[in-house]
N, C-alpha and C. Protein backbone atom coordinates (compact mmCIF):
# COMPACT_ATOMS: atom_id res chain seq x y z
N GLU A 1 0.84 -1.18 0.00
CA GLU A 1 0.00 0.00 0.00
C GLU A 1 0.89 1.24 0.00
N GLY A 2 0.43 2.30 -0.59
CA GLY A 2 1.22 3.52 -0.65
C GLY A 2 2.09 3.61 -1.88
N GLN A 3 2.12 2.57 -2.69
CA GLN A 3 2.88 2.55 -3.93
C GLN A 3 1.93 2.86 -5.09
N PRO A 4 2.45 3.30 -6.23
CA PRO A 4 1.59 3.54 -7.39
C PRO A 4 0.83 2.27 -7.79
N ASP A 5 -0.30 2.44 -8.48
CA ASP A 5 -1.07 1.30 -8.94
C ASP A 5 -0.22 0.40 -9.82
N GLY A 6 -0.58 -0.86 -9.85
CA GLY A 6 0.13 -1.81 -10.68
C GLY A 6 -0.32 -3.22 -10.35
N THR A 7 0.17 -4.16 -11.11
CA THR A 7 -0.17 -5.57 -10.92
C THR A 7 0.90 -6.24 -10.08
N VAL A 8 0.46 -7.06 -9.12
CA VAL A 8 1.36 -7.76 -8.21
C VAL A 8 1.40 -9.24 -8.54
N TYR A 9 2.61 -9.78 -8.61
CA TYR A 9 2.77 -11.23 -8.73
C TYR A 9 3.01 -11.80 -7.35
N THR A 10 2.22 -12.80 -6.99
CA THR A 10 2.46 -13.58 -5.78
C THR A 10 2.47 -15.04 -6.20
N PRO A 11 3.45 -15.81 -5.77
CA PRO A 11 3.46 -17.22 -6.17
C PRO A 11 2.34 -17.99 -5.48
N ILE A 12 1.95 -19.07 -6.10
CA ILE A 12 0.95 -19.95 -5.50
C ILE A 12 1.70 -20.98 -4.69
N LEU A 13 1.46 -20.98 -3.40
CA LEU A 13 2.16 -21.88 -2.49
C LEU A 13 1.21 -23.00 -2.07
N ASP A 14 1.40 -24.16 -2.63
CA ASP A 14 0.53 -25.30 -2.35
C ASP A 14 -0.92 -24.87 -2.57
N SER A 15 -1.75 -24.94 -1.54
CA SER A 15 -3.15 -24.53 -1.69
C SER A 15 -3.35 -23.08 -1.29
N ASP A 16 -2.29 -22.41 -0.86
CA ASP A 16 -2.39 -21.02 -0.40
C ASP A 16 -1.90 -20.10 -1.49
N ASP A 17 -2.82 -19.35 -2.12
CA ASP A 17 -2.41 -18.45 -3.19
C ASP A 17 -2.32 -17.00 -2.72
N LEU A 18 -2.11 -16.82 -1.43
CA LEU A 18 -1.84 -15.52 -0.83
C LEU A 18 -2.88 -14.44 -1.17
N PRO A 19 -4.16 -14.73 -0.93
CA PRO A 19 -5.19 -13.75 -1.26
C PRO A 19 -5.09 -12.45 -0.46
N TYR A 20 -4.42 -12.50 0.68
CA TYR A 20 -4.31 -11.30 1.50
C TYR A 20 -3.49 -10.21 0.82
N VAL A 21 -2.64 -10.56 -0.12
CA VAL A 21 -1.81 -9.56 -0.80
C VAL A 21 -2.69 -8.56 -1.54
N ALA A 22 -3.65 -9.06 -2.30
CA ALA A 22 -4.56 -8.18 -3.03
C ALA A 22 -5.39 -7.34 -2.06
N ALA A 23 -5.84 -7.97 -1.00
CA ALA A 23 -6.69 -7.26 -0.04
C ALA A 23 -5.92 -6.15 0.68
N LEU A 24 -4.72 -6.43 1.12
CA LEU A 24 -3.95 -5.45 1.89
C LEU A 24 -3.28 -4.39 1.04
N SER A 25 -2.96 -4.73 -0.20
CA SER A 25 -2.26 -3.76 -1.06
C SER A 25 -3.22 -2.94 -1.92
N SER A 26 -4.46 -3.38 -2.02
CA SER A 26 -5.46 -2.74 -2.90
C SER A 26 -4.97 -2.72 -4.35
N LYS A 27 -4.25 -3.77 -4.73
CA LYS A 27 -3.73 -3.87 -6.09
C LYS A 27 -4.18 -5.18 -6.72
N GLN A 28 -4.27 -5.16 -8.04
CA GLN A 28 -4.63 -6.35 -8.81
C GLN A 28 -3.48 -7.35 -8.77
N THR A 29 -3.81 -8.62 -8.69
CA THR A 29 -2.77 -9.65 -8.73
C THR A 29 -2.74 -10.30 -10.11
N TYR A 30 -1.57 -10.78 -10.50
CA TYR A 30 -1.37 -11.36 -11.83
C TYR A 30 -2.14 -12.67 -11.98
N ILE A 31 -2.06 -13.50 -10.98
CA ILE A 31 -2.87 -14.72 -10.92
C ILE A 31 -3.08 -15.04 -9.45
N ASN A 32 -4.32 -15.23 -9.11
CA ASN A 32 -4.69 -15.48 -7.72
C ASN A 32 -6.08 -16.11 -7.70
N PHE A 33 -6.45 -16.65 -6.60
CA PHE A 33 -7.79 -17.22 -6.43
C PHE A 33 -8.10 -18.23 -7.54
N THR A 34 -7.16 -19.12 -7.79
CA THR A 34 -7.33 -20.06 -8.90
C THR A 34 -8.56 -20.95 -8.69
N ASN A 35 -8.89 -21.25 -7.45
CA ASN A 35 -10.08 -22.07 -7.22
C ASN A 35 -11.34 -21.32 -7.65
N VAL A 36 -11.40 -20.02 -7.43
CA VAL A 36 -12.54 -19.22 -7.86
C VAL A 36 -12.58 -19.13 -9.38
N LEU A 37 -11.41 -18.91 -9.99
CA LEU A 37 -11.34 -18.84 -11.46
C LEU A 37 -11.83 -20.14 -12.08
N GLU A 38 -11.41 -21.24 -11.51
CA GLU A 38 -11.82 -22.54 -12.04
C GLU A 38 -13.33 -22.75 -11.87
N ASN A 39 -13.85 -22.41 -10.71
CA ASN A 39 -15.28 -22.60 -10.44
C ASN A 39 -16.16 -21.72 -11.33
N THR A 40 -15.65 -20.59 -11.78
CA THR A 40 -16.44 -19.69 -12.62
C THR A 40 -16.18 -19.92 -14.11
N GLY A 41 -15.31 -20.87 -14.43
CA GLY A 41 -15.07 -21.21 -15.82
C GLY A 41 -14.09 -20.30 -16.54
N ILE A 42 -13.35 -19.49 -15.80
CA ILE A 42 -12.37 -18.60 -16.41
C ILE A 42 -11.10 -19.39 -16.69
N ASP A 43 -10.61 -19.32 -17.91
CA ASP A 43 -9.41 -20.06 -18.29
C ASP A 43 -8.16 -19.28 -17.87
N TYR A 44 -7.48 -19.78 -16.90
CA TYR A 44 -6.28 -19.12 -16.36
C TYR A 44 -5.03 -19.94 -16.64
N LYS A 45 -5.16 -21.03 -17.37
CA LYS A 45 -4.04 -21.97 -17.54
C LYS A 45 -2.85 -21.36 -18.29
N LYS A 46 -3.09 -20.49 -19.28
CA LYS A 46 -1.99 -19.86 -20.01
C LYS A 46 -1.17 -18.98 -19.07
N ARG A 47 -1.86 -18.20 -18.26
CA ARG A 47 -1.17 -17.33 -17.32
C ARG A 47 -0.43 -18.16 -16.26
N LEU A 48 -1.04 -19.24 -15.81
CA LEU A 48 -0.40 -20.12 -14.85
C LEU A 48 0.87 -20.72 -15.43
N ALA A 49 0.84 -21.09 -16.71
CA ALA A 49 2.04 -21.64 -17.38
C ALA A 49 3.15 -20.59 -17.44
N GLU A 50 2.79 -19.32 -17.71
CA GLU A 50 3.78 -18.24 -17.71
C GLU A 50 4.43 -18.10 -16.34
N VAL A 51 3.60 -18.20 -15.32
CA VAL A 51 4.08 -18.06 -13.95
C VAL A 51 5.04 -19.20 -13.60
N GLU A 52 4.70 -20.40 -14.00
CA GLU A 52 5.55 -21.54 -13.70
C GLU A 52 6.92 -21.44 -14.37
N LYS A 53 6.97 -20.80 -15.54
CA LYS A 53 8.25 -20.62 -16.26
C LYS A 53 8.92 -19.29 -15.93
N LEU A 54 8.28 -18.48 -15.10
CA LEU A 54 8.78 -17.16 -14.69
C LEU A 54 8.86 -16.18 -15.86
N ASP A 55 8.11 -16.44 -16.93
CA ASP A 55 8.11 -15.55 -18.09
C ASP A 55 7.54 -14.17 -17.76
N HIS A 56 6.60 -14.12 -16.84
CA HIS A 56 6.00 -12.84 -16.46
C HIS A 56 7.03 -11.90 -15.84
N ILE A 57 8.06 -12.46 -15.23
CA ILE A 57 9.13 -11.64 -14.66
C ILE A 57 10.14 -11.27 -15.76
N ARG A 58 10.53 -12.25 -16.56
CA ARG A 58 11.48 -11.99 -17.66
C ARG A 58 11.00 -10.87 -18.57
N HIS A 59 9.70 -10.84 -18.83
CA HIS A 59 9.14 -9.87 -19.78
C HIS A 59 8.48 -8.68 -19.08
N ALA A 60 8.72 -8.55 -17.78
CA ALA A 60 8.22 -7.42 -16.99
C ALA A 60 6.72 -7.19 -17.17
N LYS A 61 5.95 -8.26 -17.08
CA LYS A 61 4.50 -8.15 -17.22
C LYS A 61 3.82 -7.74 -15.92
N VAL A 62 4.57 -7.71 -14.83
CA VAL A 62 4.00 -7.30 -13.54
C VAL A 62 4.78 -6.10 -13.01
N ASP A 63 4.12 -5.32 -12.19
CA ASP A 63 4.75 -4.11 -11.64
C ASP A 63 5.42 -4.37 -10.30
N TYR A 64 4.91 -5.36 -9.57
CA TYR A 64 5.44 -5.70 -8.25
C TYR A 64 5.57 -7.20 -8.14
N ILE A 65 6.55 -7.64 -7.38
CA ILE A 65 6.75 -9.06 -7.12
C ILE A 65 6.81 -9.23 -5.61
N TYR A 66 5.89 -10.02 -5.07
CA TYR A 66 5.80 -10.31 -3.65
C TYR A 66 6.15 -11.77 -3.47
N VAL A 67 7.30 -12.05 -2.87
CA VAL A 67 7.77 -13.43 -2.76
C VAL A 67 8.09 -13.79 -1.31
N PRO A 68 7.29 -14.68 -0.71
CA PRO A 68 7.62 -15.16 0.62
C PRO A 68 8.95 -15.92 0.60
N LYS A 69 9.73 -15.76 1.62
CA LYS A 69 11.04 -16.44 1.67
C LYS A 69 10.90 -17.94 1.82
N ARG A 70 9.72 -18.42 2.17
CA ARG A 70 9.49 -19.86 2.27
C ARG A 70 9.19 -20.49 0.92
N TYR A 71 9.06 -19.67 -0.13
CA TYR A 71 8.76 -20.18 -1.47
C TYR A 71 9.89 -21.05 -1.96
N LYS A 72 9.57 -22.27 -2.39
CA LYS A 72 10.60 -23.23 -2.77
C LYS A 72 11.40 -22.81 -4.01
N LYS A 73 10.84 -21.91 -4.83
CA LYS A 73 11.56 -21.45 -6.02
C LYS A 73 12.12 -20.03 -5.82
N LEU A 74 12.33 -19.63 -4.59
CA LEU A 74 12.82 -18.28 -4.30
C LEU A 74 14.13 -17.99 -5.03
N ALA A 75 15.07 -18.91 -5.00
CA ALA A 75 16.36 -18.69 -5.66
C ALA A 75 16.17 -18.50 -7.17
N ASP A 76 15.27 -19.26 -7.78
CA ASP A 76 15.00 -19.12 -9.22
C ASP A 76 14.40 -17.74 -9.52
N VAL A 77 13.46 -17.31 -8.69
CA VAL A 77 12.83 -16.01 -8.88
C VAL A 77 13.87 -14.91 -8.77
N GLN A 78 14.71 -14.99 -7.75
CA GLN A 78 15.75 -13.97 -7.57
C GLN A 78 16.73 -13.95 -8.74
N MET A 79 17.07 -15.11 -9.27
CA MET A 79 17.99 -15.18 -10.41
C MET A 79 17.37 -14.50 -11.64
N VAL A 80 16.09 -14.75 -11.90
CA VAL A 80 15.41 -14.14 -13.05
C VAL A 80 15.28 -12.64 -12.85
N ILE A 81 14.98 -12.22 -11.65
CA ILE A 81 14.88 -10.78 -11.35
C ILE A 81 16.21 -10.10 -11.62
N THR A 82 17.28 -10.69 -11.13
CA THR A 82 18.62 -10.11 -11.32
C THR A 82 18.99 -10.08 -12.80
N ALA A 83 18.73 -11.18 -13.51
CA ALA A 83 19.08 -11.25 -14.93
C ALA A 83 18.27 -10.26 -15.77
N SER A 84 17.02 -10.04 -15.40
CA SER A 84 16.18 -9.13 -16.18
C SER A 84 16.57 -7.67 -15.99
N ASN A 85 17.13 -7.35 -14.84
CA ASN A 85 17.52 -5.98 -14.50
C ASN A 85 16.36 -4.99 -14.66
N LYS A 86 15.12 -5.48 -14.42
CA LYS A 86 13.94 -4.65 -14.59
C LYS A 86 13.24 -4.34 -13.27
N TYR A 87 13.75 -4.88 -12.17
CA TYR A 87 13.11 -4.70 -10.87
C TYR A 87 14.13 -4.28 -9.82
N GLU A 88 13.63 -3.57 -8.82
CA GLU A 88 14.46 -3.20 -7.68
C GLU A 88 13.77 -3.65 -6.40
N ASN A 89 14.55 -4.04 -5.43
CA ASN A 89 14.00 -4.46 -4.15
C ASN A 89 13.53 -3.24 -3.38
N ILE A 90 12.27 -3.29 -2.90
CA ILE A 90 11.75 -2.17 -2.11
C ILE A 90 11.41 -2.57 -0.69
N PHE A 91 11.45 -3.88 -0.40
CA PHE A 91 11.16 -4.33 0.96
C PHE A 91 11.78 -5.70 1.17
N ASP A 92 12.35 -5.90 2.35
CA ASP A 92 12.99 -7.16 2.69
C ASP A 92 12.94 -7.33 4.20
N ASN A 93 12.30 -8.39 4.66
CA ASN A 93 12.36 -8.72 6.08
C ASN A 93 12.56 -10.22 6.22
N GLN A 94 12.32 -10.79 7.38
CA GLN A 94 12.57 -12.21 7.59
C GLN A 94 11.57 -13.10 6.86
N VAL A 95 10.45 -12.52 6.42
CA VAL A 95 9.37 -13.32 5.86
C VAL A 95 9.20 -13.15 4.36
N VAL A 96 9.43 -11.94 3.83
CA VAL A 96 9.06 -11.66 2.45
C VAL A 96 10.04 -10.70 1.78
N LEU A 97 10.12 -10.81 0.44
CA LEU A 97 10.83 -9.85 -0.40
C LEU A 97 9.81 -9.21 -1.33
N ILE A 98 9.91 -7.91 -1.53
CA ILE A 98 9.03 -7.22 -2.47
C ILE A 98 9.90 -6.42 -3.42
N TYR A 99 9.62 -6.60 -4.71
CA TYR A 99 10.33 -5.90 -5.77
C TYR A 99 9.35 -5.02 -6.53
N LYS A 100 9.88 -3.94 -7.10
CA LYS A 100 9.08 -3.00 -7.90
C LYS A 100 9.77 -2.83 -9.24
N LYS A 101 8.96 -2.72 -10.30
CA LYS A 101 9.52 -2.49 -11.63
C LYS A 101 10.21 -1.13 -11.64
N LYS A 102 11.42 -1.09 -12.25
CA LYS A 102 12.19 0.15 -12.31
C LYS A 102 11.53 1.15 -13.24
């Protein structure tokens, strides 16, 4: 909250897709609430495939990246962020890293 509008990427962690990020930040998420999307017949599989390959980060399709440090692919996400040189870290604590598009 307090940042310019934009789309936030949050990884899907097992059955927890971090719905609180959208609620607390008042920002749109890149992919979230997959169970709701599935129940309403919205096809989200293409976007989910992009997320799994981290293409949304490589091509700067999101404005913010919210990554819990418990995420099993954290090192991969950080490597893609560094290689893309399109994001800067704006928050880091013991639980989460947040990046913003430059």
